[in-house]
N, C-alpha and C. Protein backbone atom coordinates (compact mmCIF):
# COMPACT_ATOMS: atom_id res chain seq x y z
N MET A 1 -16.84 -16.17 0.66
CA MET A 1 -16.64 -14.73 0.82
C MET A 1 -15.16 -14.37 0.68
N GLN A 2 -14.28 -15.23 1.23
CA GLN A 2 -12.86 -14.95 1.15
C GLN A 2 -12.40 -14.98 -0.31
N ARG A 3 -12.93 -15.91 -1.10
CA ARG A 3 -12.57 -15.97 -2.52
C ARG A 3 -13.01 -14.70 -3.24
N LEU A 4 -14.20 -14.19 -2.86
CA LEU A 4 -14.71 -12.97 -3.48
C LEU A 4 -13.81 -11.78 -3.17
N THR A 5 -13.40 -11.63 -1.91
CA THR A 5 -12.56 -10.49 -1.55
C THR A 5 -11.17 -10.63 -2.15
N LEU A 6 -10.66 -11.87 -2.24
CA LEU A 6 -9.37 -12.07 -2.87
C LEU A 6 -9.46 -11.74 -4.36
N ARG A 7 -10.57 -12.11 -4.98
CA ARG A 7 -10.78 -11.75 -6.39
C ARG A 7 -10.84 -10.24 -6.58
N PHE A 8 -11.51 -9.54 -5.64
CA PHE A 8 -11.58 -8.08 -5.71
C PHE A 8 -10.18 -7.49 -5.68
N ALA A 9 -9.36 -7.95 -4.73
CA ALA A 9 -8.00 -7.44 -4.63
C ALA A 9 -7.19 -7.78 -5.87
N ALA A 10 -7.36 -9.00 -6.36
CA ALA A 10 -6.63 -9.41 -7.56
C ALA A 10 -7.03 -8.55 -8.76
N CYS A 11 -8.31 -8.25 -8.86
CA CYS A 11 -8.78 -7.41 -9.97
C CYS A 11 -8.18 -6.01 -9.89
N VAL A 12 -8.16 -5.43 -8.70
CA VAL A 12 -7.61 -4.08 -8.54
C VAL A 12 -6.15 -4.05 -8.95
N VAL A 13 -5.37 -5.00 -8.43
CA VAL A 13 -3.94 -5.00 -8.73
C VAL A 13 -3.69 -5.37 -10.19
N ALA A 14 -4.39 -6.39 -10.69
CA ALA A 14 -4.18 -6.80 -12.08
C ALA A 14 -4.56 -5.69 -13.04
N LEU A 15 -5.67 -5.03 -12.77
CA LEU A 15 -6.11 -3.93 -13.62
C LEU A 15 -5.08 -2.82 -13.63
N ALA A 16 -4.56 -2.50 -12.47
CA ALA A 16 -3.62 -1.40 -12.37
C ALA A 16 -2.29 -1.71 -13.04
N ILE A 17 -1.86 -2.97 -13.00
CA ILE A 17 -0.58 -3.32 -13.59
C ILE A 17 -0.71 -3.66 -15.07
N ALA A 18 -1.70 -4.48 -15.38
CA ALA A 18 -1.81 -5.00 -16.74
C ALA A 18 -2.39 -4.00 -17.73
N ALA A 19 -3.25 -3.13 -17.27
CA ALA A 19 -3.91 -2.19 -18.16
C ALA A 19 -3.39 -0.78 -17.91
N PRO A 20 -2.92 -0.10 -18.94
CA PRO A 20 -2.42 1.25 -18.73
C PRO A 20 -3.53 2.27 -18.50
N VAL A 21 -4.74 1.92 -18.85
CA VAL A 21 -5.86 2.85 -18.74
C VAL A 21 -7.04 2.14 -18.10
N CYS A 22 -7.74 2.83 -17.26
CA CYS A 22 -8.94 2.25 -16.65
C CYS A 22 -10.04 3.30 -16.70
N ALA A 23 -11.01 3.06 -17.54
CA ALA A 23 -12.08 4.04 -17.68
C ALA A 23 -13.35 3.60 -16.97
N ALA A 24 -13.38 2.38 -16.45
CA ALA A 24 -14.59 1.89 -15.79
C ALA A 24 -14.78 2.60 -14.46
N PRO A 25 -16.02 2.83 -14.05
CA PRO A 25 -16.24 3.48 -12.75
C PRO A 25 -15.79 2.57 -11.62
N ARG A 26 -15.27 3.19 -10.57
CA ARG A 26 -14.79 2.45 -9.41
C ARG A 26 -15.98 1.89 -8.64
N ALA A 27 -15.86 0.64 -8.24
CA ALA A 27 -16.92 0.01 -7.43
C ALA A 27 -16.86 0.59 -6.03
N ARG A 28 -18.01 1.00 -5.53
CA ARG A 28 -18.07 1.54 -4.17
C ARG A 28 -18.80 0.59 -3.23
N ARG A 29 -18.81 -0.67 -3.61
CA ARG A 29 -19.47 -1.66 -2.78
C ARG A 29 -18.43 -2.60 -2.19
N VAL A 30 -18.71 -3.10 -1.00
CA VAL A 30 -17.83 -4.06 -0.36
C VAL A 30 -18.64 -5.30 -0.05
N GLN A 31 -18.15 -6.11 0.85
CA GLN A 31 -18.80 -7.37 1.17
C GLN A 31 -20.28 -7.20 1.45
N ARG A 32 -21.03 -8.23 1.08
CA ARG A 32 -22.46 -8.30 1.31
C ARG A 32 -23.23 -7.13 0.71
N GLY A 33 -22.66 -6.45 -0.29
CA GLY A 33 -23.38 -5.41 -1.00
C GLY A 33 -23.58 -4.12 -0.24
N THR A 34 -22.87 -3.91 0.85
CA THR A 34 -23.02 -2.68 1.61
C THR A 34 -22.04 -1.64 1.10
N ALA A 35 -22.34 -0.39 1.30
CA ALA A 35 -21.45 0.68 0.87
C ALA A 35 -20.21 0.69 1.75
N ALA A 36 -19.08 1.10 1.18
CA ALA A 36 -17.85 1.21 1.95
C ALA A 36 -18.03 2.26 3.04
N PRO A 37 -17.44 2.00 4.23
CA PRO A 37 -17.53 2.98 5.31
C PRO A 37 -16.94 4.32 4.86
N PRO A 38 -17.43 5.45 5.39
CA PRO A 38 -16.91 6.76 4.98
C PRO A 38 -15.41 6.88 5.15
N ALA A 39 -14.85 6.29 6.22
CA ALA A 39 -13.40 6.37 6.43
C ALA A 39 -12.66 5.71 5.28
N VAL A 40 -13.21 4.64 4.73
CA VAL A 40 -12.58 3.95 3.61
C VAL A 40 -12.80 4.74 2.33
N GLN A 41 -14.02 5.26 2.12
CA GLN A 41 -14.31 6.02 0.91
C GLN A 41 -13.40 7.24 0.80
N GLN A 42 -13.11 7.90 1.93
CA GLN A 42 -12.25 9.08 1.89
C GLN A 42 -10.84 8.72 1.45
N GLN A 43 -10.42 7.49 1.74
CA GLN A 43 -9.06 7.07 1.42
C GLN A 43 -8.91 6.66 -0.03
N LEU A 44 -9.99 6.26 -0.69
CA LEU A 44 -9.89 5.80 -2.07
C LEU A 44 -9.56 6.95 -3.00
N PRO A 45 -8.57 6.76 -3.86
CA PRO A 45 -8.23 7.83 -4.81
C PRO A 45 -9.26 7.86 -5.93
N GLU A 46 -9.39 9.00 -6.52
CA GLU A 46 -10.27 9.12 -7.69
C GLU A 46 -9.59 8.46 -8.87
N LEU A 47 -10.38 7.90 -9.75
CA LEU A 47 -9.81 7.34 -10.97
C LEU A 47 -9.37 8.49 -11.87
N PRO A 48 -8.26 8.28 -12.58
CA PRO A 48 -7.84 9.32 -13.51
C PRO A 48 -8.80 9.36 -14.70
N PRO A 49 -8.78 10.46 -15.45
CA PRO A 49 -9.60 10.51 -16.67
C PRO A 49 -9.27 9.32 -17.56
N GLY A 50 -10.20 8.97 -18.44
CA GLY A 50 -10.11 7.76 -19.24
C GLY A 50 -8.82 7.53 -19.99
N ASP A 51 -8.06 8.55 -20.31
CA ASP A 51 -6.85 8.35 -21.11
C ASP A 51 -5.57 8.42 -20.28
N GLN A 52 -5.67 8.44 -18.96
CA GLN A 52 -4.48 8.53 -18.11
C GLN A 52 -4.30 7.22 -17.33
N PRO A 53 -3.04 6.79 -17.16
CA PRO A 53 -2.79 5.54 -16.44
C PRO A 53 -3.03 5.70 -14.93
N ILE A 54 -3.27 4.58 -14.29
CA ILE A 54 -3.41 4.55 -12.83
C ILE A 54 -2.01 4.62 -12.24
N THR A 55 -1.84 5.43 -11.19
CA THR A 55 -0.51 5.60 -10.60
C THR A 55 -0.26 4.56 -9.52
N ALA A 56 1.02 4.39 -9.19
CA ALA A 56 1.40 3.46 -8.11
C ALA A 56 0.79 3.91 -6.79
N ARG A 57 0.70 5.22 -6.57
CA ARG A 57 0.09 5.72 -5.33
C ARG A 57 -1.38 5.31 -5.25
N GLN A 58 -2.10 5.38 -6.36
CA GLN A 58 -3.51 4.98 -6.36
C GLN A 58 -3.65 3.50 -6.05
N ILE A 59 -2.78 2.68 -6.62
CA ILE A 59 -2.81 1.25 -6.33
C ILE A 59 -2.58 1.02 -4.84
N GLN A 60 -1.59 1.70 -4.28
CA GLN A 60 -1.28 1.56 -2.86
C GLN A 60 -2.47 1.98 -2.01
N LEU A 61 -3.11 3.10 -2.34
CA LEU A 61 -4.26 3.57 -1.58
C LEU A 61 -5.43 2.60 -1.68
N TRP A 62 -5.64 2.01 -2.85
CA TRP A 62 -6.72 1.03 -3.00
C TRP A 62 -6.45 -0.19 -2.14
N PHE A 63 -5.20 -0.65 -2.14
CA PHE A 63 -4.89 -1.83 -1.34
C PHE A 63 -5.01 -1.51 0.15
N GLU A 64 -4.63 -0.31 0.55
CA GLU A 64 -4.78 0.08 1.95
C GLU A 64 -6.25 0.13 2.34
N ALA A 65 -7.09 0.64 1.46
CA ALA A 65 -8.53 0.67 1.73
C ALA A 65 -9.08 -0.75 1.82
N PHE A 66 -8.62 -1.62 0.95
CA PHE A 66 -9.02 -3.03 0.99
C PHE A 66 -8.61 -3.64 2.33
N THR A 67 -7.40 -3.31 2.81
CA THR A 67 -6.92 -3.81 4.09
C THR A 67 -7.81 -3.35 5.23
N VAL A 68 -8.22 -2.09 5.21
CA VAL A 68 -9.10 -1.56 6.25
C VAL A 68 -10.42 -2.33 6.25
N MET A 69 -10.97 -2.60 5.07
CA MET A 69 -12.23 -3.32 4.99
C MET A 69 -12.09 -4.74 5.54
N GLN A 70 -10.97 -5.40 5.27
CA GLN A 70 -10.77 -6.77 5.72
C GLN A 70 -10.48 -6.85 7.22
N ALA A 71 -9.92 -5.80 7.79
CA ALA A 71 -9.50 -5.82 9.20
C ALA A 71 -10.67 -6.02 10.15
N GLN A 72 -11.80 -5.42 9.88
CA GLN A 72 -12.92 -5.53 10.81
C GLN A 72 -13.31 -6.98 11.05
N ASP A 73 -13.41 -7.75 9.98
CA ASP A 73 -13.75 -9.17 10.13
C ASP A 73 -12.58 -9.97 10.70
N ALA A 74 -11.38 -9.73 10.20
CA ALA A 74 -10.21 -10.51 10.62
C ALA A 74 -9.92 -10.34 12.11
N LEU A 75 -10.13 -9.14 12.63
CA LEU A 75 -9.84 -8.87 14.04
C LEU A 75 -11.07 -8.95 14.93
N GLN A 76 -12.23 -9.16 14.30
CA GLN A 76 -13.50 -9.21 15.03
C GLN A 76 -13.67 -7.96 15.91
N LEU A 77 -13.56 -6.81 15.25
CA LEU A 77 -13.66 -5.53 15.94
C LEU A 77 -15.11 -5.22 16.27
N SER A 78 -15.33 -4.67 17.44
CA SER A 78 -16.67 -4.21 17.80
C SER A 78 -16.92 -2.89 17.09
N GLU A 79 -18.17 -2.48 17.05
CA GLU A 79 -18.50 -1.18 16.44
C GLU A 79 -17.80 -0.05 17.18
N ALA A 80 -17.70 -0.18 18.49
CA ALA A 80 -17.04 0.86 19.29
C ALA A 80 -15.55 0.96 18.96
N GLN A 81 -14.91 -0.16 18.68
CA GLN A 81 -13.48 -0.16 18.36
C GLN A 81 -13.21 0.34 16.94
N TYR A 82 -14.12 0.04 16.03
CA TYR A 82 -13.84 0.20 14.61
C TYR A 82 -13.41 1.62 14.22
N GLY A 83 -14.14 2.62 14.64
CA GLY A 83 -13.81 4.00 14.25
C GLY A 83 -12.43 4.42 14.71
N ARG A 84 -12.11 4.16 15.98
CA ARG A 84 -10.77 4.51 16.49
C ARG A 84 -9.69 3.69 15.79
N PHE A 85 -9.98 2.40 15.57
CA PHE A 85 -9.00 1.53 14.92
C PHE A 85 -8.68 2.03 13.51
N VAL A 86 -9.72 2.36 12.74
CA VAL A 86 -9.51 2.82 11.36
C VAL A 86 -8.66 4.07 11.34
N THR A 87 -8.94 5.00 12.23
CA THR A 87 -8.15 6.25 12.29
C THR A 87 -6.68 5.94 12.57
N ARG A 88 -6.44 5.06 13.53
CA ARG A 88 -5.06 4.71 13.89
C ARG A 88 -4.38 3.89 12.80
N LEU A 89 -5.13 2.99 12.17
CA LEU A 89 -4.56 2.19 11.08
C LEU A 89 -4.18 3.10 9.91
N LYS A 90 -5.02 4.06 9.60
CA LYS A 90 -4.70 5.00 8.51
C LYS A 90 -3.44 5.80 8.84
N ALA A 91 -3.27 6.17 10.12
CA ALA A 91 -2.06 6.89 10.53
C ALA A 91 -0.83 6.00 10.35
N LEU A 92 -0.95 4.73 10.68
CA LEU A 92 0.15 3.78 10.48
C LEU A 92 0.48 3.65 9.00
N GLN A 93 -0.55 3.49 8.18
CA GLN A 93 -0.34 3.35 6.74
C GLN A 93 0.31 4.60 6.16
N GLU A 94 -0.12 5.76 6.62
CA GLU A 94 0.45 7.02 6.12
C GLU A 94 1.92 7.16 6.54
N ALA A 95 2.23 6.80 7.79
CA ALA A 95 3.61 6.87 8.25
C ALA A 95 4.50 5.96 7.42
N ARG A 96 4.01 4.77 7.14
CA ARG A 96 4.76 3.80 6.33
C ARG A 96 4.95 4.33 4.91
N ARG A 97 3.87 4.87 4.33
CA ARG A 97 3.91 5.39 2.96
C ARG A 97 4.88 6.58 2.87
N ASN A 98 4.82 7.49 3.83
CA ASN A 98 5.70 8.66 3.82
C ASN A 98 7.16 8.25 3.94
N HIS A 99 7.43 7.28 4.82
CA HIS A 99 8.82 6.83 4.96
C HIS A 99 9.32 6.20 3.66
N LEU A 100 8.51 5.35 3.07
CA LEU A 100 8.95 4.70 1.83
C LEU A 100 9.21 5.71 0.72
N ALA A 101 8.38 6.73 0.64
CA ALA A 101 8.58 7.76 -0.39
C ALA A 101 9.87 8.53 -0.15
N THR A 102 10.12 8.93 1.10
CA THR A 102 11.35 9.67 1.42
C THR A 102 12.57 8.79 1.22
N HIS A 103 12.48 7.55 1.69
CA HIS A 103 13.58 6.59 1.54
C HIS A 103 13.91 6.41 0.05
N GLN A 104 12.89 6.23 -0.77
CA GLN A 104 13.11 6.02 -2.20
C GLN A 104 13.71 7.25 -2.87
N LYS A 105 13.29 8.44 -2.44
CA LYS A 105 13.85 9.67 -3.01
C LYS A 105 15.35 9.76 -2.72
N ILE A 106 15.74 9.44 -1.50
CA ILE A 106 17.16 9.49 -1.14
C ILE A 106 17.94 8.44 -1.92
N ILE A 107 17.38 7.24 -2.04
CA ILE A 107 18.04 6.18 -2.82
C ILE A 107 18.22 6.62 -4.27
N ASN A 108 17.21 7.26 -4.84
CA ASN A 108 17.33 7.77 -6.22
C ASN A 108 18.42 8.82 -6.33
N ASP A 109 18.51 9.69 -5.32
CA ASP A 109 19.59 10.69 -5.30
C ASP A 109 20.95 10.00 -5.30
N LEU A 110 21.09 8.98 -4.44
CA LEU A 110 22.36 8.25 -4.37
C LEU A 110 22.66 7.54 -5.69
N ARG A 111 21.64 7.01 -6.32
CA ARG A 111 21.83 6.34 -7.61
C ARG A 111 22.38 7.32 -8.65
N LYS A 112 21.81 8.53 -8.68
CA LYS A 112 22.28 9.55 -9.63
C LYS A 112 23.70 9.98 -9.31
N LEU A 113 23.98 10.18 -8.02
CA LEU A 113 25.30 10.66 -7.62
C LEU A 113 26.40 9.64 -7.89
N THR A 114 26.07 8.36 -7.84
CA THR A 114 27.10 7.32 -7.99
C THR A 114 27.08 6.63 -9.35
N ASN A 115 26.25 7.10 -10.26
CA ASN A 115 26.18 6.51 -11.59
C ASN A 115 27.53 6.69 -12.28
N PRO A 116 28.16 5.58 -12.73
CA PRO A 116 29.49 5.69 -13.35
C PRO A 116 29.53 6.60 -14.59
N GLN A 117 28.43 6.65 -15.36
CA GLN A 117 28.44 7.47 -16.57
C GLN A 117 28.11 8.93 -16.30
N THR A 118 27.18 9.20 -15.38
CA THR A 118 26.72 10.58 -15.22
C THR A 118 26.92 11.16 -13.82
N GLY A 119 27.32 10.34 -12.87
CA GLY A 119 27.49 10.82 -11.50
C GLY A 119 28.64 11.79 -11.38
N ASN A 120 28.57 12.67 -10.37
CA ASN A 120 29.61 13.69 -10.23
C ASN A 120 30.64 13.33 -9.16
N ASN A 121 30.45 12.20 -8.46
CA ASN A 121 31.39 11.74 -7.43
C ASN A 121 31.69 12.79 -6.37
N ASP A 122 30.73 13.63 -6.06
CA ASP A 122 30.88 14.64 -5.00
C ASP A 122 30.75 13.93 -3.66
N GLU A 123 31.90 13.65 -3.03
CA GLU A 123 31.90 12.87 -1.79
C GLU A 123 31.14 13.56 -0.66
N ALA A 124 31.20 14.87 -0.60
CA ALA A 124 30.47 15.59 0.45
C ALA A 124 28.97 15.41 0.28
N LEU A 125 28.51 15.48 -0.96
CA LEU A 125 27.09 15.32 -1.24
C LEU A 125 26.64 13.87 -0.99
N ILE A 126 27.48 12.92 -1.38
CA ILE A 126 27.16 11.51 -1.12
C ILE A 126 27.08 11.26 0.38
N THR A 127 28.03 11.80 1.12
CA THR A 127 28.05 11.65 2.58
C THR A 127 26.79 12.25 3.19
N GLU A 128 26.37 13.41 2.70
CA GLU A 128 25.16 14.06 3.22
C GLU A 128 23.93 13.21 2.95
N ARG A 129 23.83 12.63 1.74
CA ARG A 129 22.66 11.81 1.40
C ARG A 129 22.65 10.51 2.20
N LEU A 130 23.83 9.93 2.46
CA LEU A 130 23.90 8.73 3.29
C LEU A 130 23.45 9.03 4.72
N LYS A 131 23.86 10.19 5.23
CA LYS A 131 23.42 10.60 6.57
C LYS A 131 21.91 10.83 6.58
N ALA A 132 21.40 11.46 5.53
CA ALA A 132 19.95 11.68 5.43
C ALA A 132 19.20 10.35 5.41
N LEU A 133 19.77 9.34 4.75
CA LEU A 133 19.13 8.03 4.70
C LEU A 133 19.12 7.38 6.09
N ARG A 134 20.22 7.45 6.79
CA ARG A 134 20.28 6.90 8.17
C ARG A 134 19.28 7.63 9.07
N ASP A 135 19.26 8.96 8.97
CA ASP A 135 18.33 9.74 9.79
C ASP A 135 16.88 9.39 9.48
N GLU A 136 16.56 9.24 8.21
CA GLU A 136 15.19 8.90 7.81
C GLU A 136 14.80 7.52 8.34
N ASP A 137 15.71 6.56 8.25
CA ASP A 137 15.41 5.22 8.74
C ASP A 137 15.20 5.22 10.25
N GLU A 138 15.99 6.00 10.97
CA GLU A 138 15.80 6.11 12.43
C GLU A 138 14.46 6.78 12.76
N ARG A 139 14.16 7.86 12.04
CA ARG A 139 12.90 8.58 12.25
C ARG A 139 11.71 7.67 11.93
N ALA A 140 11.85 6.90 10.87
CA ALA A 140 10.76 5.97 10.49
C ALA A 140 10.53 4.93 11.58
N GLY A 141 11.61 4.41 12.15
CA GLY A 141 11.47 3.43 13.23
C GLY A 141 10.68 4.00 14.40
N THR A 142 11.01 5.22 14.77
CA THR A 142 10.31 5.88 15.87
C THR A 142 8.85 6.15 15.51
N ASP A 143 8.62 6.68 14.32
CA ASP A 143 7.25 6.99 13.89
C ASP A 143 6.39 5.74 13.79
N LEU A 144 6.96 4.66 13.26
CA LEU A 144 6.20 3.42 13.11
C LEU A 144 5.89 2.80 14.48
N ARG A 145 6.84 2.86 15.41
CA ARG A 145 6.57 2.35 16.77
C ARG A 145 5.42 3.11 17.41
N LYS A 146 5.42 4.44 17.26
CA LYS A 146 4.33 5.26 17.81
C LYS A 146 2.99 4.90 17.14
N ALA A 147 3.03 4.72 15.82
CA ALA A 147 1.80 4.38 15.10
C ALA A 147 1.28 3.01 15.53
N TYR A 148 2.17 2.04 15.70
CA TYR A 148 1.74 0.72 16.18
C TYR A 148 1.19 0.81 17.60
N ASP A 149 1.82 1.62 18.44
CA ASP A 149 1.29 1.81 19.79
C ASP A 149 -0.12 2.37 19.74
N GLY A 150 -0.36 3.31 18.82
CA GLY A 150 -1.69 3.89 18.67
C GLY A 150 -2.71 2.84 18.24
N VAL A 151 -2.34 1.98 17.31
CA VAL A 151 -3.24 0.90 16.87
C VAL A 151 -3.50 -0.04 18.04
N ASP A 152 -2.42 -0.43 18.73
CA ASP A 152 -2.56 -1.38 19.84
C ASP A 152 -3.47 -0.86 20.95
N GLU A 153 -3.51 0.45 21.15
CA GLU A 153 -4.37 1.03 22.19
C GLU A 153 -5.85 0.75 21.92
N THR A 154 -6.20 0.50 20.68
CA THR A 154 -7.61 0.26 20.33
C THR A 154 -7.97 -1.22 20.39
N LEU A 155 -6.98 -2.08 20.60
CA LEU A 155 -7.19 -3.53 20.51
C LEU A 155 -6.88 -4.21 21.85
N ASP A 156 -7.55 -5.35 22.08
CA ASP A 156 -7.16 -6.15 23.24
C ASP A 156 -5.94 -6.98 22.84
N LEU A 157 -5.37 -7.72 23.79
CA LEU A 157 -4.12 -8.43 23.55
C LEU A 157 -4.26 -9.45 22.41
N ARG A 158 -5.34 -10.20 22.39
CA ARG A 158 -5.56 -11.20 21.33
C ARG A 158 -5.67 -10.52 19.97
N GLN A 159 -6.37 -9.40 19.90
CA GLN A 159 -6.51 -8.67 18.64
C GLN A 159 -5.17 -8.10 18.18
N GLN A 160 -4.33 -7.67 19.13
CA GLN A 160 -3.00 -7.17 18.76
C GLN A 160 -2.19 -8.26 18.05
N ALA A 161 -2.24 -9.47 18.61
CA ALA A 161 -1.53 -10.59 17.97
C ALA A 161 -2.14 -10.90 16.61
N ARG A 162 -3.46 -10.91 16.53
CA ARG A 162 -4.14 -11.21 15.26
C ARG A 162 -3.84 -10.11 14.23
N PHE A 163 -3.68 -8.87 14.68
CA PHE A 163 -3.36 -7.77 13.77
C PHE A 163 -2.00 -8.00 13.11
N ARG A 164 -1.01 -8.45 13.89
CA ARG A 164 0.32 -8.72 13.31
C ARG A 164 0.22 -9.84 12.27
N ILE A 165 -0.54 -10.89 12.59
CA ILE A 165 -0.74 -12.00 11.65
C ILE A 165 -1.49 -11.51 10.41
N PHE A 166 -2.52 -10.70 10.64
CA PHE A 166 -3.31 -10.14 9.54
C PHE A 166 -2.45 -9.30 8.61
N GLU A 167 -1.61 -8.43 9.17
CA GLU A 167 -0.73 -7.60 8.33
C GLU A 167 0.21 -8.46 7.49
N ASP A 168 0.76 -9.50 8.10
CA ASP A 168 1.65 -10.38 7.37
C ASP A 168 0.91 -11.07 6.23
N ARG A 169 -0.30 -11.55 6.51
CA ARG A 169 -1.11 -12.21 5.47
C ARG A 169 -1.45 -11.24 4.34
N MET A 170 -1.82 -10.01 4.68
CA MET A 170 -2.16 -9.02 3.65
C MET A 170 -0.94 -8.69 2.79
N GLU A 171 0.23 -8.60 3.40
CA GLU A 171 1.45 -8.32 2.63
C GLU A 171 1.75 -9.47 1.68
N GLN A 172 1.57 -10.70 2.15
CA GLN A 172 1.78 -11.86 1.28
C GLN A 172 0.77 -11.86 0.13
N GLN A 173 -0.48 -11.55 0.44
CA GLN A 173 -1.49 -11.49 -0.62
C GLN A 173 -1.14 -10.43 -1.65
N LYS A 174 -0.67 -9.29 -1.18
CA LYS A 174 -0.31 -8.22 -2.11
C LYS A 174 0.81 -8.67 -3.03
N LEU A 175 1.83 -9.31 -2.48
CA LEU A 175 2.94 -9.79 -3.31
C LEU A 175 2.48 -10.86 -4.29
N GLU A 176 1.63 -11.78 -3.83
CA GLU A 176 1.11 -12.81 -4.73
C GLU A 176 0.29 -12.19 -5.86
N LEU A 177 -0.53 -11.21 -5.52
CA LEU A 177 -1.36 -10.56 -6.54
C LEU A 177 -0.50 -9.81 -7.54
N LEU A 178 0.52 -9.13 -7.06
CA LEU A 178 1.42 -8.42 -7.97
C LEU A 178 2.14 -9.39 -8.91
N MET A 179 2.61 -10.51 -8.35
CA MET A 179 3.30 -11.50 -9.19
C MET A 179 2.35 -12.09 -10.22
N ARG A 180 1.13 -12.40 -9.79
CA ARG A 180 0.14 -12.96 -10.71
C ARG A 180 -0.23 -11.95 -11.80
N ALA A 181 -0.39 -10.69 -11.40
CA ALA A 181 -0.75 -9.67 -12.37
C ALA A 181 0.37 -9.45 -13.39
N ARG A 182 1.60 -9.44 -12.94
CA ARG A 182 2.73 -9.29 -13.86
C ARG A 182 2.82 -10.48 -14.81
N GLN A 183 2.58 -11.66 -14.25
CA GLN A 183 2.60 -12.86 -15.08
C GLN A 183 1.50 -12.80 -16.14
N ASN A 184 0.30 -12.37 -15.73
CA ASN A 184 -0.80 -12.24 -16.67
C ASN A 184 -0.51 -11.18 -17.72
N ALA A 185 0.19 -10.12 -17.34
CA ALA A 185 0.52 -9.05 -18.28
C ALA A 185 1.54 -9.55 -19.31
N ARG A 186 2.43 -10.46 -18.90
CA ARG A 186 3.44 -11.00 -19.82
C ARG A 186 2.85 -12.01 -20.79
N ASN A 187 1.91 -12.82 -20.31
CA ASN A 187 1.35 -13.88 -21.15
C ASN A 187 0.73 -13.36 -22.45
N PRO A 188 -0.12 -12.33 -22.43
CA PRO A 188 -0.64 -11.81 -23.70
C PRO A 188 0.48 -11.28 -24.60
N ALA A 189 1.51 -10.70 -24.00
CA ALA A 189 2.63 -10.18 -24.80
C ALA A 189 3.34 -11.31 -25.51
N ARG A 190 3.49 -12.46 -24.85
CA ARG A 190 4.13 -13.61 -25.49
C ARG A 190 3.30 -14.12 -26.66
N GLY A 191 1.98 -14.12 -26.47
CA GLY A 191 1.09 -14.60 -27.53
C GLY A 191 1.16 -13.72 -28.77
N ARG A 192 1.34 -12.40 -28.59
CA ARG A 192 1.42 -11.47 -29.73
C ARG A 192 2.72 -11.65 -30.49
N GLY A 193 3.78 -12.09 -29.79
CA GLY A 193 5.09 -12.21 -30.43
C GLY A 193 5.18 -13.42 -31.34
N ARG A 194 4.23 -14.34 -31.26
CA ARG A 194 4.28 -15.57 -32.09
C ARG A 194 3.78 -15.33 -33.46
């Protein structure tokens, strides 16, 4: 079963990276042939029309939905815990996603401002963006602590520890899948160049 779910994740990431277009219908089935829980289905992004590429946000949402599906088994959540846990986990994922988007926007602003060829070297503006970055990082720390506290409220002590291990494992899997998908995307390109 673990190989099957790892293959599912690998397919999602590989498809999104290696193929610019995905016209196949999205699978709405999870382990053991059951339908995805409504909380997970609501989180899944719609596929773009057949001629449009899959966005990075859609990939992230798919992986987050995959994480939610894996969490129930990994943490051995009871039915009573599951609904509250999913709600809190989605809040944590959203807080993380929002921070990363804001952080990246500020970094892009700083990149433009300090570009040797096109930057304007406006020190006041650079100072303001650096302060905005510090403020965002502090706000993210507070928001993420609150979100983790919310998740922890739904779990017993053993599950809290397993959740930290689970998150670390999922992050490693995501990085491995991305590296494998990029490698697979390069290999056909090398073959065409010969």
